[in-house]
């Protein structure tokens, strides 16, 4: 994508260079297509930027949800680990209890066996000493029945004691055995619960690994989208810059076309005035020839008077009432307004510009004699007191008159 963007940007810039290199020679209206195309490109780029920003918002939202799920799963894992630890402690305690119960059972079984062996020995002794005729012999030999009964009672009590002991030991063995079985079952249940919790732990850890991987993917996608958005913002700035340059160039062309149009109109006007002046001069010469025997009017160069200390004003005064208005003229005794100003400023009969030229000179706010009064259609030499000397019009020539209200004062 980066390579594509750079190529696209380069093509846009090169296209702009080509446009700037050639379009200056075209008419202003021909810029419209180029501007429209660039504005369409700019609108498309803005849409791409908006799409990337929307994508960034979605990615950030989805990432926040994922981070919440990671937090919940991590909390469940912590609880599972705590449960496993508790179960392990309970199993250890149960194992200790079971070991003690096993020991008690072994001791009870051992006591039962000892008691049983003792009882067998006593029974064996009685039979071995008395035989089958032991009780009968004892009855015949005893001189006192009381002794015989006492002996019989003792033997009975001995049997009953052995039986009670055996019953007690047997009951103890059964009780301890039952307790052992119960503890083994409880331990097995605890171990099964721990296995289940360990499986739950493995599941949560696997889910966390997957979620962290997805989070990394979101980070990568967000970074990429941000980079692309920034790149397209740069492209949009370039396109907007090119649009502004095109608009500026278009305006320059329009101004040039307008200036050319005005210059053409002025040239046509001057040409018409020159032609009219030529025809008037021919008519005047013809009339003078018919009235004066063919003698032509002549002018002499006025004598320069340095009394005022201002050569520009002195030259202007020298031709008051002594020069005619001739369109395009800048010669002794024949001037138009800008030709008269040109002569007064330089002292040479050579035009240095037109009213448009003088309009571009520095404007002053403290007019002094010798400055130039000018507007779009006329000009003259300022002599002070709101007055100027100027070559007014046909049949009037060079006169003194007031400065027009729409005139500005400039300085050569």
Protein backbone atom coordinates (compact mmCIF):
# COMPACT_ATOMS: atom_id res chain seq x y z
CA UNK A 1 0.00 0.00 0.00
CA UNK A 2 2.87 2.40 0.82
CA UNK A 3 4.46 1.85 -2.59
CA UNK A 4 1.11 2.46 -4.30
CA UNK A 5 0.60 5.66 -2.33
CA UNK A 6 4.06 7.01 -3.15
CA UNK A 7 3.56 6.31 -6.85
CA UNK A 8 0.14 7.98 -6.74
CA UNK A 9 1.51 11.02 -4.95
CA UNK A 10 4.43 11.26 -7.37
CA UNK A 11 2.08 11.09 -10.35
CA UNK A 12 -0.10 13.83 -8.86
CA UNK A 13 2.89 16.10 -8.25
CA UNK A 14 4.34 15.45 -11.71
CA UNK A 15 0.96 16.16 -13.24
CA UNK A 16 0.88 19.41 -11.31
CA UNK A 17 4.34 20.33 -12.58
CA UNK A 18 3.30 19.64 -16.15
CA UNK A 19 0.16 21.69 -15.67
CA UNK A 20 2.11 24.61 -14.21
CA UNK A 21 4.65 24.34 -17.00
CA UNK A 22 2.18 24.60 -19.83
CA UNK A 23 -1.04 26.14 -18.62
CA UNK A 24 0.35 29.69 -18.32
CA UNK A 25 0.11 29.90 -22.07
CA UNK A 26 -3.59 28.97 -22.17
CA UNK A 27 -6.71 31.00 -21.54
CA UNK A 28 -8.00 31.31 -17.98
CA UNK A 29 -11.09 29.23 -18.72
CA UNK A 30 -8.92 26.28 -19.69
CA UNK A 31 -7.88 25.97 -16.04
CA UNK A 32 -11.39 24.92 -15.07
CA UNK A 33 -10.99 21.30 -16.20
CA UNK A 34 -7.67 20.89 -14.39
CA UNK A 35 -9.11 22.42 -11.21
CA UNK A 36 -12.24 20.24 -11.45
CA UNK A 37 -10.12 17.10 -11.88
CA UNK A 38 -7.93 17.99 -8.92
CA UNK A 39 -10.97 18.81 -6.77
CA UNK A 40 -12.42 15.38 -7.65
CA UNK A 41 -9.12 13.77 -6.64
CA UNK A 42 -9.17 15.78 -3.42
CA UNK A 43 -12.75 14.71 -2.65
CA UNK A 44 -11.83 11.06 -3.23
CA UNK A 45 -8.79 11.41 -0.96
CA UNK A 46 -10.97 12.99 1.73
CA UNK A 47 -13.37 10.03 1.46
CA UNK A 48 -10.47 7.61 1.87
CA UNK A 49 -9.31 9.54 4.95
CA UNK A 50 -12.83 9.45 6.41
CA UNK A 51 -12.99 5.67 5.78
CA UNK A 52 -9.67 5.15 7.57
CA UNK A 53 -10.82 7.25 10.52
CA UNK A 54 -14.04 5.22 10.71
CA UNK A 55 -11.99 2.04 10.58
CA UNK A 56 -9.75 3.36 13.36
CA UNK A 57 -12.78 4.12 15.54
CA UNK A 58 -14.14 0.59 14.96
CA UNK A 59 -10.78 -1.00 15.69
CA UNK A 60 -10.37 0.99 18.88
CA UNK A 61 -13.89 0.02 19.99
CA UNK A 62 -13.31 -3.67 19.26
CA UNK A 63 -9.95 -3.55 21.01
CA UNK A 64 -11.55 -2.03 24.12
CA UNK A 65 -14.11 -4.86 24.17
CA UNK A 66 -11.31 -7.42 23.81
CA UNK A 67 -9.34 -5.82 26.64
CA UNK A 68 -12.44 -6.09 28.83
CA UNK A 69 -12.73 -9.79 27.96
CA UNK A 70 -9.04 -10.26 28.76
CA UNK A 71 -9.59 -8.64 32.15
CA UNK A 72 -12.57 -10.90 32.91
CA UNK A 73 -10.73 -14.05 31.80
CA UNK A 74 -7.66 -13.08 33.78
CA UNK A 75 -9.83 -12.62 36.88
CA UNK A 76 -11.36 -16.07 36.33
CA UNK A 77 -7.87 -17.53 35.98
CA UNK A 78 -6.82 -15.95 39.27
CA UNK A 79 -9.87 -17.44 41.00
CA UNK A 80 -9.11 -20.84 39.45
CA UNK A 81 -5.51 -20.72 40.63
CA UNK A 82 -6.71 -19.80 44.11
CA UNK A 83 -9.18 -22.71 44.05
CA UNK A 84 -6.42 -25.10 42.93
CA UNK A 85 -4.21 -23.89 45.78
CA UNK A 86 -7.04 -24.39 48.28
CA UNK A 87 -7.80 -27.86 46.95
CA UNK A 88 -4.12 -28.78 47.13
CA UNK A 89 -4.05 -27.69 50.79
CA UNK A 90 -7.18 -29.72 51.51
CA UNK A 91 -5.72 -32.76 49.73
CA UNK A 92 -2.55 -32.45 51.81
CA UNK A 93 -4.60 -32.28 55.00
CA UNK A 94 -6.74 -35.20 53.86
CA UNK A 95 -3.60 -37.18 53.04
CA UNK A 96 -2.27 -36.55 56.55
CA UNK A 97 -5.61 -37.62 58.08
CA UNK A 98 -5.66 -40.70 55.89
CA UNK A 99 -2.11 -41.61 56.91
CA UNK A 100 -3.08 -41.28 60.58
CA UNK A 101 -6.25 -43.36 60.02
CA UNK A 102 -4.21 -46.03 58.24
CA UNK A 103 -1.83 -46.08 61.19
CA UNK A 104 -4.74 -46.36 63.67
CA UNK A 105 -6.28 -49.16 61.62
CA UNK A 106 -3.01 -51.06 61.60
CA UNK A 107 -2.71 -50.65 65.40
CA UNK A 108 -6.33 -51.82 65.93
CA UNK A 109 -5.85 -54.81 63.70
CA UNK A 110 -2.63 -55.60 65.54
CA UNK A 111 -4.35 -55.34 68.98
CA UNK A 112 -7.20 -57.53 67.72
CA UNK A 113 -4.73 -60.14 66.56
CA UNK A 114 -2.85 -60.02 69.87
CA UNK A 115 -6.07 -60.40 71.85
CA UNK A 116 -7.21 -63.20 69.62
CA UNK A 117 -3.91 -65.07 70.06
CA UNK A 118 -4.09 -64.62 73.86
CA UNK A 119 -7.64 -65.96 73.94
CA UNK A 120 -6.63 -68.95 71.84
CA UNK A 121 -3.78 -69.71 74.23
CA UNK A 122 -6.07 -69.52 77.25
CA UNK A 123 -8.65 -71.81 75.60
CA UNK A 124 -5.88 -74.17 74.57
CA UNK A 125 -4.53 -74.22 78.10
CA UNK A 126 -7.90 -75.04 79.59
CA UNK A 127 -8.42 -77.90 77.23
CA UNK A 128 -4.89 -79.16 77.58
CA UNK A 129 -5.02 -79.17 81.37
CA UNK A 130 -8.56 -80.45 81.72
CA UNK A 131 -9.08 -82.65 78.68
CA UNK A 132 -12.47 -83.98 77.91
CA UNK A 133 -12.90 -85.18 81.53
CA UNK A 134 -11.44 -82.03 83.07
CA UNK A 135 -14.69 -80.57 84.41
CA UNK A 136 -15.97 -83.99 85.60
CA UNK A 137 -12.71 -84.75 87.36
CA UNK A 138 -12.69 -81.30 88.88
CA UNK A 139 -16.22 -81.84 90.16
CA UNK A 140 -15.28 -85.24 91.77
CA UNK A 141 -12.06 -83.92 93.24
CA UNK A 142 -13.47 -80.70 94.68
CA UNK A 143 -14.45 -81.13 98.28
CA UNK A 144 -16.50 -77.98 98.23
CA UNK A 145 -19.09 -77.22 95.58
CA UNK A 146 -18.50 -73.55 96.15
CA UNK A 147 -14.95 -73.81 94.91
CA UNK A 148 -16.16 -75.66 91.89
CA UNK A 149 -18.76 -73.01 91.14
CA UNK A 150 -16.24 -70.24 91.71
CA UNK A 151 -13.90 -71.89 89.29
CA UNK A 152 -16.65 -72.33 86.72
CA UNK A 153 -17.76 -68.71 87.16
CA UNK A 154 -14.18 -67.49 86.72
CA UNK A 155 -13.82 -69.48 83.55
CA UNK A 156 -17.11 -68.08 82.23
CA UNK A 157 -16.07 -64.52 83.03
CA UNK A 158 -12.76 -65.11 81.30
CA UNK A 159 -14.60 -66.26 78.17
CA UNK A 160 -16.92 -63.28 78.34
CA UNK A 161 -14.00 -60.86 78.76
CA UNK A 162 -12.20 -62.35 75.77
CA UNK A 163 -15.39 -62.15 73.73
CA UNK A 164 -16.01 -58.50 74.74
CA UNK A 165 -12.42 -57.60 73.91
CA UNK A 166 -12.68 -59.30 70.56
CA UNK A 167 -15.99 -57.58 69.84
CA UNK A 168 -14.53 -54.21 70.85
CA UNK A 169 -11.42 -54.68 68.74
CA UNK A 170 -13.57 -55.85 65.82
CA UNK A 171 -15.80 -52.77 66.19
CA UNK A 172 -12.72 -50.54 66.32
CA UNK A 173 -11.35 -52.19 63.19
CA UNK A 174 -14.68 -51.71 61.40
CA UNK A 175 -14.95 -48.06 62.49
CA UNK A 176 -11.39 -47.22 61.50
CA UNK A 177 -11.76 -49.11 58.23
CA UNK A 178 -14.95 -47.23 57.45
CA UNK A 179 -13.21 -43.93 58.28
CA UNK A 180 -10.33 -44.86 56.02
CA UNK A 181 -12.67 -45.63 53.13
CA UNK A 182 -14.50 -42.33 53.68
CA UNK A 183 -11.24 -40.37 53.72
CA UNK A 184 -10.01 -42.14 50.60
CA UNK A 185 -13.25 -41.23 48.85
CA UNK A 186 -12.99 -37.62 50.02
CA UNK A 187 -9.39 -37.43 48.88
CA UNK A 188 -10.35 -38.89 45.48
CA UNK A 189 -13.11 -36.28 45.15
CA UNK A 190 -10.70 -33.50 46.03
CA UNK A 191 -8.15 -34.74 43.52
CA UNK A 192 -10.86 -34.94 40.87
CA UNK A 193 -11.89 -31.37 41.67
CA UNK A 194 -8.27 -30.28 41.39
CA UNK A 195 -7.94 -32.00 37.99
CA UNK A 196 -11.07 -30.16 36.83
CA UNK A 197 -9.71 -26.86 38.09
CA UNK A 198 -6.36 -27.51 36.40
CA UNK A 199 -8.20 -28.19 33.15
CA UNK A 200 -10.07 -24.92 33.67
CA UNK A 201 -6.74 -23.20 34.29
CA UNK A 202 -5.34 -24.59 31.02
CA UNK A 203 -8.47 -23.43 29.18
CA UNK A 204 -8.26 -19.88 30.58
CA UNK A 205 -4.55 -19.67 29.80
CA UNK A 206 -5.21 -20.82 26.23
CA UNK A 207 -8.00 -18.24 25.84
CA UNK A 208 -5.76 -15.50 27.22
CA UNK A 209 -3.01 -16.43 24.75
CA UNK A 210 -5.52 -16.20 21.90
CA UNK A 211 -6.88 -12.87 23.16
CA UNK A 212 -3.42 -11.36 23.59
CA UNK A 213 -2.60 -12.44 20.04
CA UNK A 214 -5.80 -10.77 18.81
CA UNK A 215 -4.88 -7.65 20.80
CA UNK A 216 -1.49 -7.56 19.07
CA UNK A 217 -3.28 -7.87 15.73
CA UNK A 218 -5.51 -4.93 16.64
CA UNK A 219 -2.43 -2.89 17.53
CA UNK A 220 -0.86 -3.70 14.16
CA UNK A 221 -4.07 -2.85 12.27
CA UNK A 222 -4.49 0.41 14.20
CA UNK A 223 -0.87 1.38 13.50
CA UNK A 224 -1.28 0.59 9.81
CA UNK A 225 -4.58 2.48 9.52
CA UNK A 226 -3.07 5.48 11.33
CA UNK A 227 -0.07 5.46 8.99
CA UNK A 228 -2.29 5.27 5.92
CA UNK A 229 -4.57 8.03 7.19
CA UNK A 230 -1.55 10.28 7.80
CA UNK A 231 -0.21 9.51 4.32
CA UNK A 232 -3.53 10.40 2.71
CA UNK A 233 -3.72 13.58 4.78
CA UNK A 234 -0.33 14.54 3.29
CA UNK A 235 -1.70 13.71 -0.16
CA UNK A 236 -4.80 15.82 0.51
CA UNK A 237 -2.61 18.75 1.58
CA UNK A 238 -0.61 18.38 -1.64
CA UNK A 239 -3.78 18.29 -3.71
CA UNK A 240 -5.24 21.34 -1.95
CA UNK A 241 -1.94 23.14 -2.48
CA UNK A 242 -2.05 22.32 -6.20
CA UNK A 243 -5.66 23.52 -6.36
CA UNK A 244 -4.67 26.82 -4.76
CA UNK A 245 -1.77 27.15 -7.18
CA UNK A 246 -4.07 26.47 -10.12
CA UNK A 247 -6.56 29.05 -8.86
CA UNK A 248 -3.74 31.56 -8.43
CA UNK A 249 -2.37 30.87 -11.91
CA UNK A 250 -5.88 31.12 -13.33
CA UNK A 251 -6.36 34.50 -11.67
CA UNK A 252 -3.00 35.69 -13.01
CA UNK A 253 -4.02 34.64 -16.52
CA UNK A 254 -7.35 36.40 -16.12
CA UNK A 255 -5.62 39.56 -14.99
CA UNK A 256 -3.19 39.30 -17.90
CA UNK A 257 -6.06 38.81 -20.31
CA UNK A 258 -7.88 41.79 -18.81
CA UNK A 259 -4.73 43.91 -19.00
CA UNK A 260 -4.25 42.86 -22.63
CA UNK A 261 -7.86 43.74 -23.38
CA UNK A 262 -7.53 47.17 -21.76
CA UNK A 263 -4.21 47.74 -23.55
CA UNK A 264 -5.81 46.82 -26.86
CA UNK A 265 -8.68 49.22 -26.19
CA UNK A 266 -6.21 51.96 -25.23
CA UNK A 267 -4.13 51.28 -28.33
CA UNK A 268 -7.26 51.45 -30.46
CA UNK A 269 -8.29 54.68 -28.78
CA UNK A 270 -4.83 56.18 -29.25
CA UNK A 271 -4.75 55.05 -32.85
CA UNK A 272 -8.15 56.66 -33.43
CA UNK A 273 -7.01 59.87 -31.75
CA UNK A 274 -3.77 59.89 -33.75
CA UNK A 275 -5.71 59.43 -36.93
CA UNK A 276 -8.10 62.19 -35.94
CA UNK A 277 -5.17 64.43 -35.01
CA UNK A 278 -3.46 63.66 -38.28
CA UNK A 279 -6.58 64.48 -40.20
CA UNK A 280 -7.09 67.68 -38.14
CA UNK A 281 -3.46 68.68 -38.72
CA UNK A 282 -3.81 68.11 -42.42
CA UNK A 283 -7.01 70.11 -42.43
CA UNK A 284 -5.36 72.91 -40.42
CA UNK A 285 -2.33 72.92 -42.67
CA UNK A 286 -4.54 73.08 -45.71
CA UNK A 287 -6.53 75.95 -44.22
CA UNK A 288 -3.37 77.83 -43.25
CA UNK A 289 -1.94 77.34 -46.69
CA UNK A 290 -5.07 78.72 -48.30
CA UNK A 291 -5.18 81.71 -45.92
CA UNK A 292 -1.53 82.56 -45.56
CA UNK A 293 -0.12 81.80 -48.90
CA UNK A 294 1.22 78.44 -47.89
CA UNK A 295 3.31 79.48 -44.82
CA UNK A 296 3.32 76.84 -42.08
CA UNK A 297 3.24 77.62 -38.37
CA UNK A 298 6.49 77.16 -36.42
CA UNK A 299 7.47 76.98 -32.72
CA UNK A 300 10.68 77.96 -30.93
CA UNK A 301 12.06 76.22 -27.84
CA UNK A 302 11.07 78.18 -24.71
CA UNK A 303 13.86 79.73 -22.69
CA UNK A 304 14.43 77.88 -19.42
CA UNK A 305 13.90 80.10 -16.37
CA UNK A 306 15.61 78.83 -13.24
CA UNK A 307 13.93 81.46 -11.09
CA UNK A 308 11.50 79.08 -9.44
CA UNK A 309 14.19 76.48 -8.74
CA UNK A 310 12.00 73.70 -10.14
CA UNK A 311 12.88 72.68 -13.68
CA UNK A 312 9.72 70.51 -14.05
CA UNK A 313 7.42 73.42 -13.19
CA UNK A 314 9.49 75.86 -15.31
CA UNK A 315 9.17 73.59 -18.37
CA UNK A 316 5.42 73.37 -17.82
CA UNK A 317 5.01 77.17 -17.49
CA UNK A 318 7.12 77.71 -20.63
CA UNK A 319 4.42 76.09 -22.84
CA UNK A 320 1.30 77.59 -21.27
CA UNK A 321 -0.76 79.02 -24.17
CA UNK A 322 1.96 78.13 -26.65
CA UNK A 323 1.35 74.44 -27.46
CA UNK A 324 -1.53 72.58 -29.11
CA UNK A 325 -3.12 69.25 -28.09
CA UNK A 326 -2.15 66.48 -30.55
CA UNK A 327 -3.04 62.91 -29.67
CA UNK A 328 0.18 60.85 -29.21
CA UNK A 329 2.23 64.05 -29.52
CA UNK A 330 5.48 64.72 -27.64
CA UNK A 331 7.23 67.35 -29.75
CA UNK A 332 7.79 71.11 -29.53
CA UNK A 333 4.38 72.84 -29.54
CA UNK A 334 2.41 69.57 -29.95
CA UNK A 335 1.59 67.32 -27.01
CA UNK A 336 -1.05 65.05 -25.57
CA UNK A 337 -1.41 64.97 -21.77
CA UNK A 338 1.09 62.16 -21.09
CA UNK A 339 3.53 63.44 -23.75
CA UNK A 340 3.48 66.90 -22.06
CA UNK A 341 4.19 65.34 -18.61
CA UNK A 342 6.99 63.20 -20.12
CA UNK A 343 8.66 66.33 -21.55
CA UNK A 344 8.28 68.33 -18.33
CA UNK A 345 9.75 65.53 -16.18
CA UNK A 346 12.78 64.74 -18.39
CA UNK A 347 13.31 67.84 -20.52
CA UNK A 348 13.40 65.55 -23.56
CA UNK A 349 10.80 65.18 -26.29
CA UNK A 350 10.48 61.44 -25.66
CA UNK A 351 7.51 59.67 -24.07
CA UNK A 352 8.33 57.82 -20.84
CA UNK A 353 4.86 56.36 -20.32
CA UNK A 354 1.12 56.86 -20.30
CA UNK A 355 -1.38 57.63 -17.59
CA UNK A 356 -1.32 53.89 -16.71
CA UNK A 357 2.44 54.14 -16.22
CA UNK A 358 2.12 57.19 -13.97
CA UNK A 359 -0.62 55.51 -11.92
CA UNK A 360 2.00 52.95 -10.85
CA UNK A 361 4.44 55.53 -9.50
CA UNK A 362 4.75 56.14 -5.73
CA UNK A 363 1.75 58.08 -4.41
CA UNK A 364 2.45 60.96 -2.02
CA UNK A 365 0.33 62.54 0.70
CA UNK A 366 2.24 65.84 0.78
CA UNK A 367 2.11 67.03 -2.86
CA UNK A 368 4.87 69.42 -3.95
CA UNK A 369 5.26 71.50 -7.10
CA UNK A 370 6.68 69.26 -9.81
CA UNK A 371 4.68 66.16 -8.74
CA UNK A 372 2.30 64.56 -11.23
CA UNK A 373 -1.50 64.64 -10.98
CA UNK A 374 -3.03 61.60 -12.65
CA UNK A 375 -6.15 59.47 -13.01
CA UNK A 376 -7.14 56.76 -15.49
CA UNK A 377 -7.75 59.24 -18.33
CA UNK A 378 -5.65 62.39 -17.78
CA UNK A 379 -2.50 63.81 -16.17
CA UNK A 380 -0.68 67.12 -15.53
CA UNK A 381 2.08 68.87 -13.54
CA UNK A 382 1.20 69.99 -10.02
CA UNK A 383 2.23 73.61 -9.35
CA UNK A 384 0.79 74.09 -5.84
CA UNK A 385 -2.40 75.56 -4.44
CA UNK A 386 -4.56 72.80 -5.92
CA UNK A 387 -3.57 73.87 -9.44
CA UNK A 388 -1.84 72.05 -12.27
CA UNK A 389 -0.52 72.73 -15.77
CA UNK A 390 -1.75 70.25 -18.35
CA UNK A 391 -2.35 69.74 -22.04
CA UNK A 392 -6.14 69.75 -21.92
CA UNK A 393 -7.75 68.90 -25.25
CA UNK A 394 -8.11 69.77 -28.93
CA UNK A 395 -8.39 73.52 -29.49
CA UNK A 396 -7.31 74.23 -25.90
CA UNK A 397 -3.71 73.09 -25.60
CA UNK A 398 -1.55 73.71 -22.50
CA UNK A 399 -3.33 75.62 -19.74
CA UNK A 400 -3.42 76.15 -15.96
CA UNK A 401 -6.41 74.58 -14.18
CA UNK A 402 -7.61 72.97 -10.95
CA UNK A 403 -6.63 69.42 -9.96
CA UNK A 404 -9.56 67.05 -10.59
CA UNK A 405 -11.08 65.51 -7.49
CA UNK A 406 -10.48 61.91 -8.62
CA UNK A 407 -6.79 62.45 -9.30
CA UNK A 408 -3.93 61.12 -7.19
CA UNK A 409 -0.54 62.78 -6.72
CA UNK A 410 2.55 60.70 -7.60
CA UNK A 411 6.24 61.44 -7.67
CA UNK A 412 8.79 60.62 -10.38
